[in-house]
Amino acid sequence: MAVGGFHLFRASPDVLDWTAQALEDVGLESFVGAHCTGTPATYYLMDKLELPASKVSIGAVGTRIDSSREIIRASVE
């Protein structure tokens, strides 16, 4: 699982593809892209990595991860 602000909101497709490959290489299963990741970049990575929507979130105040690593979405998402 990767959680954070990944500063991808202005990233080119080449950078997003590189990022997706790096995340795939480490076995990423869940992704929470907060603030500076950007909504389009988060969904691009979700599609590129073929992650189910249940394993991806646009992180916001109130987003949580429970003890089984399930994403509990904030009410704003």
N, C-alpha and C. Protein backbone atom coordinates (compact mmCIF):
# COMPACT_ATOMS: atom_id res chain seq x y z
N MET A 1 0.85 -1.17 0.00
CA MET A 1 0.00 0.00 0.00
C MET A 1 0.89 1.24 0.00
N ALA A 2 0.50 2.22 -0.80
CA ALA A 2 1.19 3.50 -0.81
C ALA A 2 0.16 4.57 -0.43
N VAL A 3 0.53 5.41 0.52
CA VAL A 3 -0.34 6.48 0.99
C VAL A 3 0.46 7.76 1.05
N GLY A 4 -0.04 8.80 0.41
CA GLY A 4 0.66 10.06 0.52
C GLY A 4 0.35 11.02 -0.60
N GLY A 5 1.03 12.13 -0.54
CA GLY A 5 0.98 13.12 -1.60
C GLY A 5 2.18 12.88 -2.50
N PHE A 6 1.93 12.49 -3.73
CA PHE A 6 3.01 12.05 -4.61
C PHE A 6 3.46 13.09 -5.63
N HIS A 7 2.95 14.29 -5.54
CA HIS A 7 3.37 15.40 -6.40
C HIS A 7 3.30 15.02 -7.89
N LEU A 8 2.19 14.44 -8.28
CA LEU A 8 2.01 14.01 -9.67
C LEU A 8 0.95 14.84 -10.40
N PHE A 9 0.45 15.89 -9.77
CA PHE A 9 -0.66 16.64 -10.37
C PHE A 9 -0.30 17.30 -11.69
N ARG A 10 0.98 17.50 -11.97
CA ARG A 10 1.40 18.06 -13.27
C ARG A 10 2.29 17.09 -14.03
N ALA A 11 2.30 15.84 -13.64
CA ALA A 11 3.21 14.85 -14.24
C ALA A 11 2.79 14.51 -15.67
N SER A 12 3.79 14.31 -16.50
CA SER A 12 3.56 13.89 -17.89
C SER A 12 3.19 12.41 -17.93
N PRO A 13 2.60 11.95 -19.02
CA PRO A 13 2.33 10.52 -19.15
C PRO A 13 3.59 9.66 -18.97
N ASP A 14 4.74 10.14 -19.43
CA ASP A 14 5.98 9.37 -19.25
C ASP A 14 6.30 9.20 -17.76
N VAL A 15 6.14 10.26 -16.99
CA VAL A 15 6.41 10.18 -15.55
C VAL A 15 5.39 9.27 -14.87
N LEU A 16 4.13 9.37 -15.27
CA LEU A 16 3.11 8.51 -14.69
C LEU A 16 3.35 7.05 -15.04
N ASP A 17 3.77 6.79 -16.27
CA ASP A 17 4.09 5.41 -16.66
C ASP A 17 5.27 4.87 -15.86
N TRP A 18 6.30 5.70 -15.67
CA TRP A 18 7.46 5.29 -14.88
C TRP A 18 7.04 5.00 -13.44
N THR A 19 6.20 5.86 -12.88
CA THR A 19 5.71 5.69 -11.52
C THR A 19 4.90 4.41 -11.39
N ALA A 20 4.02 4.17 -12.35
CA ALA A 20 3.21 2.96 -12.34
C ALA A 20 4.10 1.72 -12.37
N GLN A 21 5.12 1.73 -13.20
CA GLN A 21 6.02 0.59 -13.29
C GLN A 21 6.76 0.36 -11.97
N ALA A 22 7.23 1.45 -11.36
CA ALA A 22 7.94 1.34 -10.08
C ALA A 22 7.01 0.79 -8.99
N LEU A 23 5.77 1.24 -8.97
CA LEU A 23 4.80 0.74 -7.98
C LEU A 23 4.45 -0.72 -8.24
N GLU A 24 4.32 -1.07 -9.51
CA GLU A 24 4.06 -2.48 -9.86
C GLU A 24 5.23 -3.36 -9.44
N ASP A 25 6.45 -2.87 -9.65
CA ASP A 25 7.65 -3.65 -9.32
C ASP A 25 7.75 -3.98 -7.83
N VAL A 26 7.20 -3.11 -6.98
CA VAL A 26 7.24 -3.39 -5.54
C VAL A 26 5.98 -4.10 -5.05
N GLY A 27 5.09 -4.45 -5.96
CA GLY A 27 3.91 -5.23 -5.61
C GLY A 27 2.76 -4.44 -5.03
N LEU A 28 2.61 -3.20 -5.46
CA LEU A 28 1.53 -2.35 -4.93
C LEU A 28 0.17 -3.00 -5.10
N GLU A 29 -0.62 -3.00 -4.03
CA GLU A 29 -1.98 -3.55 -4.07
C GLU A 29 -3.05 -2.51 -3.78
N SER A 30 -2.67 -1.43 -3.07
CA SER A 30 -3.62 -0.36 -2.71
C SER A 30 -2.90 0.97 -2.81
N PHE A 31 -3.69 2.03 -3.12
CA PHE A 31 -3.08 3.34 -3.34
C PHE A 31 -4.03 4.43 -2.84
N VAL A 32 -3.50 5.30 -1.99
CA VAL A 32 -4.24 6.49 -1.55
C VAL A 32 -3.41 7.69 -1.95
N GLY A 33 -3.87 8.39 -2.97
CA GLY A 33 -3.16 9.57 -3.46
C GLY A 33 -3.77 10.82 -2.86
N ALA A 34 -3.05 11.45 -1.97
CA ALA A 34 -3.57 12.63 -1.28
C ALA A 34 -3.11 13.92 -1.96
N HIS A 35 -3.68 14.99 -1.54
CA HIS A 35 -3.50 16.38 -1.97
C HIS A 35 -2.75 16.55 -3.28
N CYS A 36 -1.46 16.63 -3.32
CA CYS A 36 -0.70 17.00 -4.52
C CYS A 36 -0.53 15.86 -5.53
N THR A 37 -1.11 14.71 -5.24
CA THR A 37 -1.06 13.63 -6.24
C THR A 37 -1.92 14.02 -7.44
N GLY A 38 -3.09 14.53 -7.15
CA GLY A 38 -4.03 14.93 -8.20
C GLY A 38 -4.98 13.79 -8.54
N THR A 39 -6.23 14.16 -8.73
CA THR A 39 -7.25 13.17 -9.07
C THR A 39 -6.96 12.48 -10.40
N PRO A 40 -6.65 13.21 -11.48
CA PRO A 40 -6.37 12.53 -12.74
C PRO A 40 -5.19 11.55 -12.64
N ALA A 41 -4.13 11.95 -11.94
CA ALA A 41 -2.97 11.06 -11.80
C ALA A 41 -3.32 9.81 -11.00
N THR A 42 -4.12 9.97 -9.95
CA THR A 42 -4.53 8.82 -9.14
C THR A 42 -5.31 7.83 -9.99
N TYR A 43 -6.27 8.32 -10.78
CA TYR A 43 -7.06 7.43 -11.63
C TYR A 43 -6.24 6.85 -12.78
N TYR A 44 -5.29 7.60 -13.27
CA TYR A 44 -4.38 7.08 -14.31
C TYR A 44 -3.62 5.88 -13.76
N LEU A 45 -3.07 6.02 -12.56
CA LEU A 45 -2.34 4.91 -11.95
C LEU A 45 -3.26 3.73 -11.67
N MET A 46 -4.47 4.00 -11.22
CA MET A 46 -5.43 2.93 -10.97
C MET A 46 -5.67 2.12 -12.26
N ASP A 47 -5.89 2.83 -13.35
CA ASP A 47 -6.13 2.16 -14.63
C ASP A 47 -4.88 1.42 -15.11
N LYS A 48 -3.74 2.07 -15.05
CA LYS A 48 -2.50 1.49 -15.55
C LYS A 48 -2.12 0.23 -14.76
N LEU A 49 -2.36 0.25 -13.45
CA LEU A 49 -2.02 -0.88 -12.59
C LEU A 49 -3.16 -1.89 -12.47
N GLU A 50 -4.29 -1.57 -13.12
CA GLU A 50 -5.46 -2.45 -13.09
C GLU A 50 -5.91 -2.76 -11.67
N LEU A 51 -5.91 -1.70 -10.83
CA LEU A 51 -6.36 -1.85 -9.46
C LEU A 51 -7.87 -1.65 -9.40
N PRO A 52 -8.57 -2.45 -8.59
CA PRO A 52 -10.01 -2.23 -8.44
C PRO A 52 -10.26 -0.93 -7.68
N ALA A 53 -11.37 -0.29 -7.96
CA ALA A 53 -11.71 0.98 -7.31
C ALA A 53 -11.71 0.86 -5.79
N SER A 54 -12.02 -0.30 -5.26
CA SER A 54 -12.03 -0.49 -3.81
C SER A 54 -10.64 -0.39 -3.19
N LYS A 55 -9.60 -0.46 -4.01
CA LYS A 55 -8.22 -0.41 -3.53
C LYS A 55 -7.54 0.92 -3.82
N VAL A 56 -8.32 1.92 -4.26
CA VAL A 56 -7.76 3.23 -4.60
C VAL A 56 -8.64 4.32 -3.99
N SER A 57 -8.00 5.36 -3.49
CA SER A 57 -8.75 6.47 -2.91
C SER A 57 -8.06 7.79 -3.20
N ILE A 58 -8.86 8.82 -3.34
CA ILE A 58 -8.36 10.19 -3.33
C ILE A 58 -8.36 10.59 -1.86
N GLY A 59 -7.19 10.60 -1.26
CA GLY A 59 -7.09 10.85 0.17
C GLY A 59 -7.57 12.25 0.53
N ALA A 60 -8.30 12.33 1.61
CA ALA A 60 -8.80 13.60 2.13
C ALA A 60 -8.85 13.50 3.65
N VAL A 61 -9.09 14.62 4.31
CA VAL A 61 -9.26 14.59 5.75
C VAL A 61 -10.37 13.59 6.07
N GLY A 62 -10.06 12.63 6.88
CA GLY A 62 -11.04 11.61 7.25
C GLY A 62 -10.81 10.27 6.58
N THR A 63 -9.97 10.20 5.54
CA THR A 63 -9.64 8.92 4.93
C THR A 63 -8.82 8.13 5.94
N ARG A 64 -9.18 6.86 6.12
CA ARG A 64 -8.47 6.01 7.08
C ARG A 64 -8.17 4.66 6.46
N ILE A 65 -7.22 3.97 7.06
CA ILE A 65 -6.89 2.60 6.68
C ILE A 65 -7.12 1.76 7.94
N ASP A 66 -7.95 0.71 7.85
CA ASP A 66 -8.19 -0.09 9.05
C ASP A 66 -7.10 -1.16 9.21
N SER A 67 -7.21 -1.96 10.24
CA SER A 67 -6.16 -2.93 10.57
C SER A 67 -5.99 -4.02 9.51
N SER A 68 -6.98 -4.21 8.67
CA SER A 68 -6.86 -5.19 7.59
C SER A 68 -6.44 -4.53 6.27
N ARG A 69 -6.02 -3.28 6.36
CA ARG A 69 -5.58 -2.46 5.23
C ARG A 69 -6.69 -2.12 4.24
N GLU A 70 -7.91 -2.09 4.72
CA GLU A 70 -9.03 -1.64 3.90
C GLU A 70 -9.10 -0.12 3.98
N ILE A 71 -9.41 0.51 2.87
CA ILE A 71 -9.52 1.97 2.83
C ILE A 71 -10.93 2.37 3.26
N ILE A 72 -10.99 3.24 4.25
CA ILE A 72 -12.26 3.83 4.70
C ILE A 72 -12.25 5.26 4.16
N ARG A 73 -13.11 5.51 3.18
CA ARG A 73 -13.10 6.78 2.49
C ARG A 73 -13.68 7.91 3.33
N ALA A 74 -13.14 9.10 3.11
CA ALA A 74 -13.70 10.30 3.74
C ALA A 74 -15.05 10.58 3.11
N SER A 75 -15.89 11.28 3.84
CA SER A 75 -17.24 11.56 3.34
C SER A 75 -17.22 12.46 2.11
N VAL A 76 -16.12 13.16 1.86
CA VAL A 76 -16.06 14.07 0.72
C VAL A 76 -15.72 13.36 -0.58
N GLU A 77 -15.30 12.13 -0.52
CA GLU A 77 -14.88 11.43 -1.73
C GLU A 77 -16.06 10.81 -2.44
